[in-house]
Amino acid sequence: MKKLLIAFAAILIVSINAKAQDSLLNYEPKVLLVTAHPDDDALFSATIFKTTRLLNGAVDLALLTNGEGGYTYSTLGNYIYGKELDKEEVGRQWLPGIRKKELMAGGDIVGIRNYFFLDQPDFEYTEDVNIPLEKWNTDWAREKLASIMEKGAYDFLFLMLPYETTHGHHKASAVIALQALQTLPEGERPIALEAFIRRGEDDAGVSFTQLEGYPETKVMPGKTFEFNRNQTFGVNDRMNYNIIGNWVIAEHKSQGTMQLLMQSDTGVIEQYWYVALNGEEGLEKTAEYFEAVNIVEP
């Protein structure tokens, strides 16, 4: 009888918590995350975790490249996977499969639901957005993303912030996704947000208005939303959401430099810029969503 009462109490607590969380929003948010490489999703990890695990939402991920270019950083991965991954011919052969598995292992932690692999070649590093846009099958990728958005009926579209000095693949992933978004009827478009991080309260972060030559990337001045991974929870507030980011990063063992992005003394703040082409209509919904993200706790 005692065991039965304990079990009933546990169910009741879960039910109460679920109802409390449901009351923060009157819908279950659906997000499409579009990234360039199989570890870029770590930048969004805490907000994704809160959306799926604590707000009963759903997050799908569309990945532009196959990640083969990561061989440059795979020296330590050689010992994990038993292959000379840092040799270009070996890395380009094996990393697409390896990095998909790493991506999905991290996705299991934050609750990513579906994956769409566009498998565009991961060429050499460049900051020139036009190189991937010219080398990739861009028209097909744009149509594919538009189809995913149309079928998914998403509330939000998370993109990588295409600021001046970031990887050209990051920029191209945002450009293609926003161009795809514009092909949908205005009433059926998810709210687009471009994201990056800053390191603690003293870091002003990057400055951004739009990617030159690509007006679709323009953001609305003064309209950014944040989630601070330093938000504490648990007994004596001993834990925070940098743990989630660290767990996700740790799955990408083929990418040595990725491990250097784990929690610093200042922690990480996820920033989301509101894209101007959304219009002002989506501002209230976005503000309510981030208010819920910032409130809900385990």
C-alpha atoms as a PDB file:
ATOM      1  CA  MET A   1       0.000   0.000   0.000  1.00  0.00           C
ATOM      2  CA  LYS A   2       2.831   2.387   0.904  1.00  0.00           C
ATOM      3  CA  LYS A   3       4.528   1.769  -2.462  1.00  0.00           C
ATOM      4  CA  LEU A   4       1.225   2.429  -4.225  1.00  0.00           C
ATOM      5  CA  LEU A   5       0.785   5.752  -2.416  1.00  0.00           C
ATOM      6  CA  ILE A   6       4.362   6.798  -3.270  1.00  0.00           C
ATOM      7  CA  ALA A   7       3.804   5.937  -6.922  1.00  0.00           C
ATOM      8  CA  PHE A   8       0.527   7.893  -6.956  1.00  0.00           C
ATOM      9  CA  ALA A   9       2.214  10.895  -5.346  1.00  0.00           C
ATOM     10  CA  ALA A  10       4.974  10.815  -7.959  1.00  0.00           C
ATOM     11  CA  ILE A  11       2.419  10.735 -10.763  1.00  0.00           C
ATOM     12  CA  LEU A  12       0.542  13.623  -9.182  1.00  0.00           C
ATOM     13  CA  ILE A  13       3.699  15.733  -8.896  1.00  0.00           C
ATOM     14  CA  VAL A  14       4.573  15.076 -12.542  1.00  0.00           C
ATOM     15  CA  SER A  15       1.030  15.981 -13.548  1.00  0.00           C
ATOM     16  CA  ILE A  16       1.112  19.225 -11.553  1.00  0.00           C
ATOM     17  CA  ASN A  17       4.486  20.178 -13.028  1.00  0.00           C
ATOM     18  CA  ALA A  18       3.288  19.412 -16.547  1.00  0.00           C
ATOM     19  CA  LYS A  19       0.176  21.552 -16.090  1.00  0.00           C
ATOM     20  CA  ALA A  20       2.270  24.405 -14.680  1.00  0.00           C
ATOM     21  CA  GLN A  21       4.563  24.236 -17.662  1.00  0.00           C
ATOM     22  CA  ASP A  22       1.702  23.973 -20.151  1.00  0.00           C
ATOM     23  CA  SER A  23       0.158  27.127 -18.687  1.00  0.00           C
ATOM     24  CA  LEU A  24       3.184  29.206 -19.702  1.00  0.00           C
ATOM     25  CA  LEU A  25       2.136  28.985 -23.362  1.00  0.00           C
ATOM     26  CA  ASN A  26      -1.206  28.149 -24.919  1.00  0.00           C
ATOM     27  CA  TYR A  27       0.487  25.967 -27.552  1.00  0.00           C
ATOM     28  CA  GLU A  28       3.362  23.511 -27.816  1.00  0.00           C
ATOM     29  CA  PRO A  29       6.096  25.349 -29.734  1.00  0.00           C
ATOM     30  CA  LYS A  30       7.529  23.791 -32.874  1.00  0.00           C
ATOM     31  CA  VAL A  31      10.967  24.881 -34.066  1.00  0.00           C
ATOM     32  CA  LEU A  32      12.973  24.154 -37.194  1.00  0.00           C
ATOM     33  CA  LEU A  33      16.705  24.594 -36.618  1.00  0.00           C
ATOM     34  CA  VAL A  34      18.842  25.051 -39.750  1.00  0.00           C
ATOM     35  CA  THR A  35      22.613  24.666 -39.383  1.00  0.00           C
ATOM     36  CA  ALA A  36      25.637  24.279 -41.622  1.00  0.00           C
ATOM     37  CA  HIS A  37      27.756  21.678 -39.786  1.00  0.00           C
ATOM     38  CA  PRO A  38      26.976  18.690 -37.535  1.00  0.00           C
ATOM     39  CA  ASP A  39      28.037  20.468 -34.331  1.00  0.00           C
ATOM     40  CA  ASP A  40      26.576  23.946 -34.900  1.00  0.00           C
ATOM     41  CA  ASP A  41      23.438  23.014 -32.990  1.00  0.00           C
ATOM     42  CA  ALA A  42      25.415  23.220 -29.728  1.00  0.00           C
ATOM     43  CA  LEU A  43      25.042  27.019 -29.945  1.00  0.00           C
ATOM     44  CA  PHE A  44      21.281  26.659 -29.412  1.00  0.00           C
ATOM     45  CA  SER A  45      21.379  23.743 -26.970  1.00  0.00           C
ATOM     46  CA  ALA A  46      19.881  25.240 -23.800  1.00  0.00           C
ATOM     47  CA  THR A  47      16.929  26.874 -25.570  1.00  0.00           C
ATOM     48  CA  ILE A  48      16.293  23.645 -27.487  1.00  0.00           C
ATOM     49  CA  PHE A  49      16.399  21.649 -24.250  1.00  0.00           C
ATOM     50  CA  LYS A  50      13.915  23.950 -22.567  1.00  0.00           C
ATOM     51  CA  THR A  51      11.614  23.858 -25.601  1.00  0.00           C
ATOM     52  CA  THR A  52      11.457  20.084 -25.908  1.00  0.00           C
ATOM     53  CA  ARG A  53      11.951  18.842 -22.358  1.00  0.00           C
ATOM     54  CA  LEU A  54      10.207  21.543 -20.335  1.00  0.00           C
ATOM     55  CA  LEU A  55       7.699  23.215 -22.688  1.00  0.00           C
ATOM     56  CA  ASN A  56       6.502  20.006 -24.385  1.00  0.00           C
ATOM     57  CA  GLY A  57       7.561  21.425 -27.751  1.00  0.00           C
ATOM     58  CA  ALA A  58       9.239  19.857 -30.771  1.00  0.00           C
ATOM     59  CA  VAL A  59      12.496  20.757 -32.518  1.00  0.00           C
ATOM     60  CA  ASP A  60      13.588  19.405 -35.903  1.00  0.00           C
ATOM     61  CA  LEU A  61      17.014  19.992 -37.440  1.00  0.00           C
ATOM     62  CA  ALA A  62      17.944  20.530 -41.092  1.00  0.00           C
ATOM     63  CA  LEU A  63      21.677  20.167 -41.740  1.00  0.00           C
ATOM     64  CA  LEU A  64      23.176  21.697 -44.880  1.00  0.00           C
ATOM     65  CA  THR A  65      26.596  19.999 -45.161  1.00  0.00           C
ATOM     66  CA  ASN A  66      27.872  16.473 -44.643  1.00  0.00           C
ATOM     67  CA  GLY A  67      30.618  17.650 -42.265  1.00  0.00           C
ATOM     68  CA  GLU A  68      33.503  16.021 -44.127  1.00  0.00           C
ATOM     69  CA  GLY A  69      35.630  19.170 -43.870  1.00  0.00           C
ATOM     70  CA  GLY A  70      36.048  18.598 -40.137  1.00  0.00           C
ATOM     71  CA  TYR A  71      39.052  16.342 -40.754  1.00  0.00           C
ATOM     72  CA  THR A  72      41.300  19.309 -39.910  1.00  0.00           C
ATOM     73  CA  TYR A  73      40.276  19.038 -36.243  1.00  0.00           C
ATOM     74  CA  SER A  74      40.030  15.246 -35.947  1.00  0.00           C
ATOM     75  CA  THR A  75      43.445  14.325 -34.510  1.00  0.00           C
ATOM     76  CA  LEU A  76      42.058  13.189 -31.143  1.00  0.00           C
ATOM     77  CA  GLY A  77      39.167  11.511 -32.921  1.00  0.00           C
ATOM     78  CA  ASN A  78      41.708   9.154 -34.464  1.00  0.00           C
ATOM     79  CA  TYR A  79      42.047   7.447 -31.082  1.00  0.00           C
ATOM     80  CA  ILE A  80      38.315   7.284 -30.473  1.00  0.00           C
ATOM     81  CA  TYR A  81      37.337   5.913 -33.859  1.00  0.00           C
ATOM     82  CA  GLY A  82      40.481   3.986 -34.794  1.00  0.00           C
ATOM     83  CA  LYS A  83      40.978   5.768 -38.102  1.00  0.00           C
ATOM     84  CA  GLU A  84      43.348   8.488 -39.318  1.00  0.00           C
ATOM     85  CA  LEU A  85      40.528  10.988 -39.598  1.00  0.00           C
ATOM     86  CA  ASP A  86      42.866  13.977 -39.764  1.00  0.00           C
ATOM     87  CA  LYS A  87      44.134  12.785 -43.132  1.00  0.00           C
ATOM     88  CA  GLU A  88      41.952  14.434 -45.740  1.00  0.00           C
ATOM     89  CA  GLU A  89      41.201  11.353 -47.827  1.00  0.00           C
ATOM     90  CA  VAL A  90      40.277   9.335 -44.735  1.00  0.00           C
ATOM     91  CA  GLY A  91      38.333  12.090 -43.014  1.00  0.00           C
ATOM     92  CA  ARG A  92      36.259  12.941 -46.050  1.00  0.00           C
ATOM     93  CA  GLN A  93      35.326   9.270 -46.382  1.00  0.00           C
ATOM     94  CA  TRP A  94      34.378   8.530 -42.775  1.00  0.00           C
ATOM     95  CA  LEU A  95      33.416  11.796 -41.093  1.00  0.00           C
ATOM     96  CA  PRO A  96      29.994  12.252 -42.729  1.00  0.00           C
ATOM     97  CA  GLY A  97      28.742   9.073 -41.055  1.00  0.00           C
ATOM     98  CA  ILE A  98      30.624   9.615 -37.800  1.00  0.00           C
ATOM     99  CA  ARG A  99      29.478  13.179 -37.384  1.00  0.00           C
ATOM    100  CA  LYS A 100      25.833  12.326 -38.066  1.00  0.00           C
ATOM    101  CA  LYS A 101      26.005   9.831 -35.192  1.00  0.00           C
ATOM    102  CA  GLU A 102      27.637  12.439 -32.949  1.00  0.00           C
ATOM    103  CA  LEU A 103      24.958  14.950 -33.918  1.00  0.00           C
ATOM    104  CA  MET A 104      22.137  12.568 -33.092  1.00  0.00           C
ATOM    105  CA  ALA A 105      23.753  11.583 -29.778  1.00  0.00           C
ATOM    106  CA  GLY A 106      23.749  15.257 -28.812  1.00  0.00           C
ATOM    107  CA  GLY A 107      20.241  15.571 -30.178  1.00  0.00           C
ATOM    108  CA  ASP A 108      19.060  12.800 -27.871  1.00  0.00           C
ATOM    109  CA  ILE A 109      20.176  14.933 -24.927  1.00  0.00           C
ATOM    110  CA  VAL A 110      18.226  18.036 -25.931  1.00  0.00           C
ATOM    111  CA  GLY A 111      15.303  16.185 -27.485  1.00  0.00           C
ATOM    112  CA  ILE A 112      15.622  16.842 -31.222  1.00  0.00           C
ATOM    113  CA  ARG A 113      12.797  14.993 -32.949  1.00  0.00           C
ATOM    114  CA  ASN A 114      13.617  14.720 -36.664  1.00  0.00           C
ATOM    115  CA  TYR A 115      16.679  15.263 -38.851  1.00  0.00           C
ATOM    116  CA  PHE A 116      16.838  16.373 -42.474  1.00  0.00           C
ATOM    117  CA  PHE A 117      20.256  15.810 -44.053  1.00  0.00           C
ATOM    118  CA  LEU A 118      20.882  17.876 -47.185  1.00  0.00           C
ATOM    119  CA  ASP A 119      24.445  16.489 -47.552  1.00  0.00           C
ATOM    120  CA  GLN A 120      26.036  19.386 -49.397  1.00  0.00           C
ATOM    121  CA  PRO A 121      29.855  19.122 -49.655  1.00  0.00           C
ATOM    122  CA  ASP A 122      31.782  20.588 -46.733  1.00  0.00           C
ATOM    123  CA  PHE A 123      34.503  22.409 -48.663  1.00  0.00           C
ATOM    124  CA  GLU A 124      37.440  24.299 -47.241  1.00  0.00           C
ATOM    125  CA  TYR A 125      36.977  27.084 -44.700  1.00  0.00           C
ATOM    126  CA  THR A 126      35.946  30.407 -46.209  1.00  0.00           C
ATOM    127  CA  GLU A 127      34.234  33.554 -44.990  1.00  0.00           C
ATOM    128  CA  ASP A 128      32.877  34.243 -48.493  1.00  0.00           C
ATOM    129  CA  VAL A 129      29.176  33.339 -48.551  1.00  0.00           C
ATOM    130  CA  ASN A 130      29.152  33.244 -52.335  1.00  0.00           C
ATOM    131  CA  ILE A 131      31.492  30.246 -52.555  1.00  0.00           C
ATOM    132  CA  PRO A 132      29.097  27.731 -50.944  1.00  0.00           C
ATOM    133  CA  LEU A 133      26.093  29.345 -52.633  1.00  0.00           C
ATOM    134  CA  GLU A 134      27.803  28.733 -55.980  1.00  0.00           C
ATOM    135  CA  LYS A 135      29.217  25.273 -55.218  1.00  0.00           C
ATOM    136  CA  TRP A 136      26.226  23.741 -53.461  1.00  0.00           C
ATOM    137  CA  ASN A 137      23.020  22.610 -55.137  1.00  0.00           C
ATOM    138  CA  THR A 138      21.454  25.775 -53.777  1.00  0.00           C
ATOM    139  CA  ASP A 139      18.204  25.739 -55.749  1.00  0.00           C
ATOM    140  CA  TRP A 140      17.453  22.202 -54.585  1.00  0.00           C
ATOM    141  CA  ALA A 141      18.379  23.026 -50.978  1.00  0.00           C
ATOM    142  CA  ARG A 142      16.099  26.066 -51.033  1.00  0.00           C
ATOM    143  CA  GLU A 143      13.191  23.997 -52.364  1.00  0.00           C
ATOM    144  CA  LYS A 144      13.871  21.247 -49.831  1.00  0.00           C
ATOM    145  CA  LEU A 145      13.840  23.653 -46.905  1.00  0.00           C
ATOM    146  CA  ALA A 146      10.665  25.315 -48.157  1.00  0.00           C
ATOM    147  CA  SER A 147       8.990  21.902 -48.321  1.00  0.00           C
ATOM    148  CA  ILE A 148      10.140  21.040 -44.805  1.00  0.00           C
ATOM    149  CA  MET A 149       8.780  24.328 -43.462  1.00  0.00           C
ATOM    150  CA  GLU A 150       5.491  23.921 -45.293  1.00  0.00           C
ATOM    151  CA  LYS A 151       4.896  20.392 -44.015  1.00  0.00           C
ATOM    152  CA  GLY A 152       6.185  21.083 -40.508  1.00  0.00           C
ATOM    153  CA  ALA A 153       3.980  24.093 -39.720  1.00  0.00           C
ATOM    154  CA  TYR A 154       6.665  25.487 -37.399  1.00  0.00           C
ATOM    155  CA  ASP A 155       6.262  28.401 -35.052  1.00  0.00           C
ATOM    156  CA  PHE A 156       9.921  29.425 -35.180  1.00  0.00           C
ATOM    157  CA  LEU A 157      12.885  29.085 -37.523  1.00  0.00           C
ATOM    158  CA  PHE A 158      16.273  29.151 -35.767  1.00  0.00           C
ATOM    159  CA  LEU A 159      19.228  30.151 -37.964  1.00  0.00           C
ATOM    160  CA  MET A 160      22.903  30.940 -37.535  1.00  0.00           C
ATOM    161  CA  LEU A 161      23.682  34.639 -37.347  1.00  0.00           C
ATOM    162  CA  PRO A 162      25.439  35.499 -40.647  1.00  0.00           C
ATOM    163  CA  TYR A 163      27.783  38.133 -39.206  1.00  0.00           C
ATOM    164  CA  GLU A 164      30.778  39.373 -41.175  1.00  0.00           C
ATOM    165  CA  THR A 165      33.578  37.137 -39.858  1.00  0.00           C
ATOM    166  CA  THR A 166      31.720  33.854 -39.402  1.00  0.00           C
ATOM    167  CA  HIS A 167      32.134  30.795 -41.636  1.00  0.00           C
ATOM    168  CA  GLY A 168      30.720  31.231 -45.137  1.00  0.00           C
ATOM    169  CA  HIS A 169      28.776  27.989 -44.687  1.00  0.00           C
ATOM    170  CA  HIS A 170      27.037  29.478 -41.644  1.00  0.00           C
ATOM    171  CA  LYS A 171      26.096  32.519 -43.682  1.00  0.00           C
ATOM    172  CA  ALA A 172      24.919  30.432 -46.619  1.00  0.00           C
ATOM    173  CA  SER A 173      22.714  28.222 -44.429  1.00  0.00           C
ATOM    174  CA  ALA A 174      20.908  31.315 -43.136  1.00  0.00           C
ATOM    175  CA  VAL A 175      20.570  32.885 -46.592  1.00  0.00           C
ATOM    176  CA  ILE A 176      19.152  29.725 -48.185  1.00  0.00           C
ATOM    177  CA  ALA A 177      16.704  29.168 -45.324  1.00  0.00           C
ATOM    178  CA  LEU A 178      15.450  32.763 -45.418  1.00  0.00           C
ATOM    179  CA  GLN A 179      15.054  32.628 -49.190  1.00  0.00           C
ATOM    180  CA  ALA A 180      13.073  29.414 -48.747  1.00  0.00           C
ATOM    181  CA  LEU A 181      10.941  31.104 -46.086  1.00  0.00           C
ATOM    182  CA  GLN A 182      10.046  33.897 -48.479  1.00  0.00           C
ATOM    183  CA  THR A 183       8.513  31.417 -50.946  1.00  0.00           C
ATOM    184  CA  LEU A 184       5.825  30.499 -48.406  1.00  0.00           C
ATOM    185  CA  PRO A 185       2.580  32.475 -48.041  1.00  0.00           C
ATOM    186  CA  GLU A 186       3.064  35.167 -45.385  1.00  0.00           C
ATOM    187  CA  GLY A 187       0.481  33.657 -43.064  1.00  0.00           C
ATOM    188  CA  GLU A 188       2.227  30.278 -43.093  1.00  0.00           C
ATOM    189  CA  ARG A 189       5.782  31.361 -42.302  1.00  0.00           C
ATOM    190  CA  PRO A 190       7.572  30.507 -39.050  1.00  0.00           C
ATOM    191  CA  ILE A 191       9.122  33.413 -37.180  1.00  0.00           C
ATOM    192  CA  ALA A 192      12.788  33.590 -38.186  1.00  0.00           C
ATOM    193  CA  LEU A 193      15.487  34.233 -35.589  1.00  0.00           C
ATOM    194  CA  GLU A 194      19.248  34.407 -36.193  1.00  0.00           C
ATOM    195  CA  ALA A 195      21.347  33.229 -33.277  1.00  0.00           C
ATOM    196  CA  PHE A 196      24.815  33.362 -31.805  1.00  0.00           C
ATOM    197  CA  ILE A 197      26.271  33.474 -28.288  1.00  0.00           C
ATOM    198  CA  ARG A 198      28.077  35.859 -26.017  1.00  0.00           C
ATOM    199  CA  ARG A 199      30.364  34.937 -23.136  1.00  0.00           C
ATOM    200  CA  GLY A 200      28.864  36.321 -19.954  1.00  0.00           C
ATOM    201  CA  GLU A 201      27.321  39.665 -19.033  1.00  0.00           C
ATOM    202  CA  ASP A 202      30.484  41.639 -19.766  1.00  0.00           C
ATOM    203  CA  ASP A 203      30.666  40.435 -23.368  1.00  0.00           C
ATOM    204  CA  ALA A 204      28.690  42.741 -25.665  1.00  0.00           C
ATOM    205  CA  GLY A 205      28.568  40.069 -28.342  1.00  0.00           C
ATOM    206  CA  VAL A 206      28.825  40.634 -32.069  1.00  0.00           C
ATOM    207  CA  SER A 207      27.358  43.633 -33.843  1.00  0.00           C
ATOM    208  CA  PHE A 208      24.961  42.826 -36.678  1.00  0.00           C
ATOM    209  CA  THR A 209      22.436  44.537 -38.937  1.00  0.00           C
ATOM    210  CA  GLN A 210      22.446  42.402 -42.081  1.00  0.00           C
ATOM    211  CA  LEU A 211      24.770  40.438 -44.335  1.00  0.00           C
ATOM    212  CA  GLU A 212      25.866  42.746 -47.139  1.00  0.00           C
ATOM    213  CA  GLY A 213      24.142  41.907 -50.403  1.00  0.00           C
ATOM    214  CA  TYR A 214      21.478  39.748 -48.738  1.00  0.00           C
ATOM    215  CA  PRO A 215      18.647  41.977 -47.441  1.00  0.00           C
ATOM    216  CA  GLU A 216      16.639  38.958 -46.320  1.00  0.00           C
ATOM    217  CA  THR A 217      19.099  38.590 -43.412  1.00  0.00           C
ATOM    218  CA  LYS A 218      18.377  42.063 -42.010  1.00  0.00           C
ATOM    219  CA  VAL A 219      17.348  42.117 -38.354  1.00  0.00           C
ATOM    220  CA  MET A 220      14.971  44.495 -36.593  1.00  0.00           C
ATOM    221  CA  PRO A 221      16.970  47.057 -34.584  1.00  0.00           C
ATOM    222  CA  GLY A 222      16.920  46.553 -30.841  1.00  0.00           C
ATOM    223  CA  LYS A 223      14.911  43.325 -31.002  1.00  0.00           C
ATOM    224  CA  THR A 224      17.004  40.518 -29.548  1.00  0.00           C
ATOM    225  CA  PHE A 225      15.951  37.777 -27.177  1.00  0.00           C
ATOM    226  CA  GLU A 226      18.203  35.837 -24.823  1.00  0.00           C
ATOM    227  CA  PHE A 227      18.548  32.809 -22.649  1.00  0.00           C
ATOM    228  CA  ASN A 228      21.345  32.887 -20.089  1.00  0.00           C
ATOM    229  CA  ARG A 229      22.714  29.405 -19.454  1.00  0.00           C
ATOM    230  CA  ASN A 230      23.928  30.621 -16.066  1.00  0.00           C
ATOM    231  CA  GLN A 231      20.327  30.377 -14.839  1.00  0.00           C
ATOM    232  CA  THR A 232      20.510  28.149 -11.786  1.00  0.00           C
ATOM    233  CA  PHE A 233      18.275  25.362 -10.509  1.00  0.00           C
ATOM    234  CA  GLY A 234      18.411  22.338  -8.228  1.00  0.00           C
ATOM    235  CA  VAL A 235      19.414  21.983  -4.590  1.00  0.00           C
ATOM    236  CA  ASN A 236      21.060  25.179  -3.358  1.00  0.00           C
ATOM    237  CA  ASP A 237      21.099  26.401  -6.986  1.00  0.00           C
ATOM    238  CA  ARG A 238      24.212  24.322  -7.617  1.00  0.00           C
ATOM    239  CA  MET A 239      23.393  23.547 -11.269  1.00  0.00           C
ATOM    240  CA  ASN A 240      22.896  25.654 -14.394  1.00  0.00           C
ATOM    241  CA  TYR A 241      22.167  25.177 -18.079  1.00  0.00           C
ATOM    242  CA  ASN A 242      25.806  25.310 -19.163  1.00  0.00           C
ATOM    243  CA  ILE A 243      25.672  21.619 -18.252  1.00  0.00           C
ATOM    244  CA  ILE A 244      23.409  20.984 -21.232  1.00  0.00           C
ATOM    245  CA  GLY A 245      25.781  22.767 -23.613  1.00  0.00           C
ATOM    246  CA  ASN A 246      28.733  20.822 -22.229  1.00  0.00           C
ATOM    247  CA  TRP A 247      26.949  17.498 -22.644  1.00  0.00           C
ATOM    248  CA  VAL A 248      26.129  18.256 -26.287  1.00  0.00           C
ATOM    249  CA  ILE A 249      29.656  19.442 -27.075  1.00  0.00           C
ATOM    250  CA  ALA A 250      31.120  16.326 -25.463  1.00  0.00           C
ATOM    251  CA  GLU A 251      29.347  14.132 -28.024  1.00  0.00           C
ATOM    252  CA  HIS A 252      31.356  15.672 -30.878  1.00  0.00           C
ATOM    253  CA  LYS A 253      34.547  13.763 -30.158  1.00  0.00           C
ATOM    254  CA  SER A 254      35.745  13.907 -33.761  1.00  0.00           C
ATOM    255  CA  GLN A 255      36.045  17.688 -33.473  1.00  0.00           C
ATOM    256  CA  GLY A 256      38.824  18.735 -31.106  1.00  0.00           C
ATOM    257  CA  THR A 257      38.292  22.480 -31.246  1.00  0.00           C
ATOM    258  CA  MET A 258      34.609  22.035 -30.411  1.00  0.00           C
ATOM    259  CA  GLN A 259      35.613  20.865 -26.934  1.00  0.00           C
ATOM    260  CA  LEU A 260      37.237  24.254 -26.301  1.00  0.00           C
ATOM    261  CA  LEU A 261      33.796  25.871 -26.422  1.00  0.00           C
ATOM    262  CA  MET A 262      32.672  24.293 -23.173  1.00  0.00           C
ATOM    263  CA  GLN A 263      31.599  26.432 -20.244  1.00  0.00           C
ATOM    264  CA  SER A 264      33.996  29.187 -19.300  1.00  0.00           C
ATOM    265  CA  ASP A 265      34.032  30.998 -15.955  1.00  0.00           C
ATOM    266  CA  THR A 266      31.529  33.477 -17.359  1.00  0.00           C
ATOM    267  CA  GLY A 267      29.175  30.950 -18.915  1.00  0.00           C
ATOM    268  CA  VAL A 268      27.221  31.338 -22.139  1.00  0.00           C
ATOM    269  CA  ILE A 269      24.283  33.541 -23.121  1.00  0.00           C
ATOM    270  CA  GLU A 270      22.320  32.493 -26.186  1.00  0.00           C
ATOM    271  CA  GLN A 271      21.183  35.493 -28.268  1.00  0.00           C
ATOM    272  CA  TYR A 272      18.445  35.469 -30.890  1.00  0.00           C
ATOM    273  CA  TRP A 273      18.046  38.368 -33.362  1.00  0.00           C
ATOM    274  CA  TYR A 274      14.543  39.004 -34.712  1.00  0.00           C
ATOM    275  CA  VAL A 275      14.615  39.014 -38.533  1.00  0.00           C
ATOM    276  CA  ALA A 276      13.032  42.095 -40.075  1.00  0.00           C
ATOM    277  CA  LEU A 277      11.086  40.242 -42.759  1.00  0.00           C
ATOM    278  CA  ASN A 278       8.930  38.750 -39.993  1.00  0.00           C
ATOM    279  CA  GLY A 279       7.280  42.138 -39.586  1.00  0.00           C
ATOM    280  CA  GLU A 280       6.126  43.354 -36.201  1.00  0.00           C
ATOM    281  CA  GLU A 281       3.308  40.806 -36.058  1.00  0.00           C
ATOM    282  CA  GLY A 282       5.506  38.092 -34.597  1.00  0.00           C
ATOM    283  CA  LEU A 283       7.132  40.150 -31.850  1.00  0.00           C
ATOM    284  CA  GLU A 284       4.548  39.423 -29.183  1.00  0.00           C
ATOM    285  CA  LYS A 285       4.605  35.680 -29.835  1.00  0.00           C
ATOM    286  CA  THR A 286       8.400  35.664 -29.756  1.00  0.00           C
ATOM    287  CA  ALA A 287       8.510  37.627 -26.508  1.00  0.00           C
ATOM    288  CA  GLU A 288       6.018  35.244 -24.889  1.00  0.00           C
ATOM    289  CA  TYR A 289       8.016  32.234 -26.037  1.00  0.00           C
ATOM    290  CA  PHE A 290      11.281  33.532 -24.588  1.00  0.00           C
ATOM    291  CA  GLU A 291       9.528  34.561 -21.412  1.00  0.00           C
ATOM    292  CA  ALA A 292       8.470  30.927 -21.023  1.00  0.00           C
ATOM    293  CA  VAL A 293      11.955  29.688 -21.904  1.00  0.00           C
ATOM    294  CA  ASN A 294      13.402  31.904 -19.191  1.00  0.00           C
ATOM    295  CA  ILE A 295      10.845  30.916 -16.541  1.00  0.00           C
ATOM    296  CA  VAL A 296      10.345  27.176 -16.816  1.00  0.00           C
ATOM    297  CA  GLU A 297      12.595  24.982 -14.650  1.00  0.00           C
ATOM    298  CA  PRO A 298      13.151  21.226 -14.232  1.00  0.00           C
END
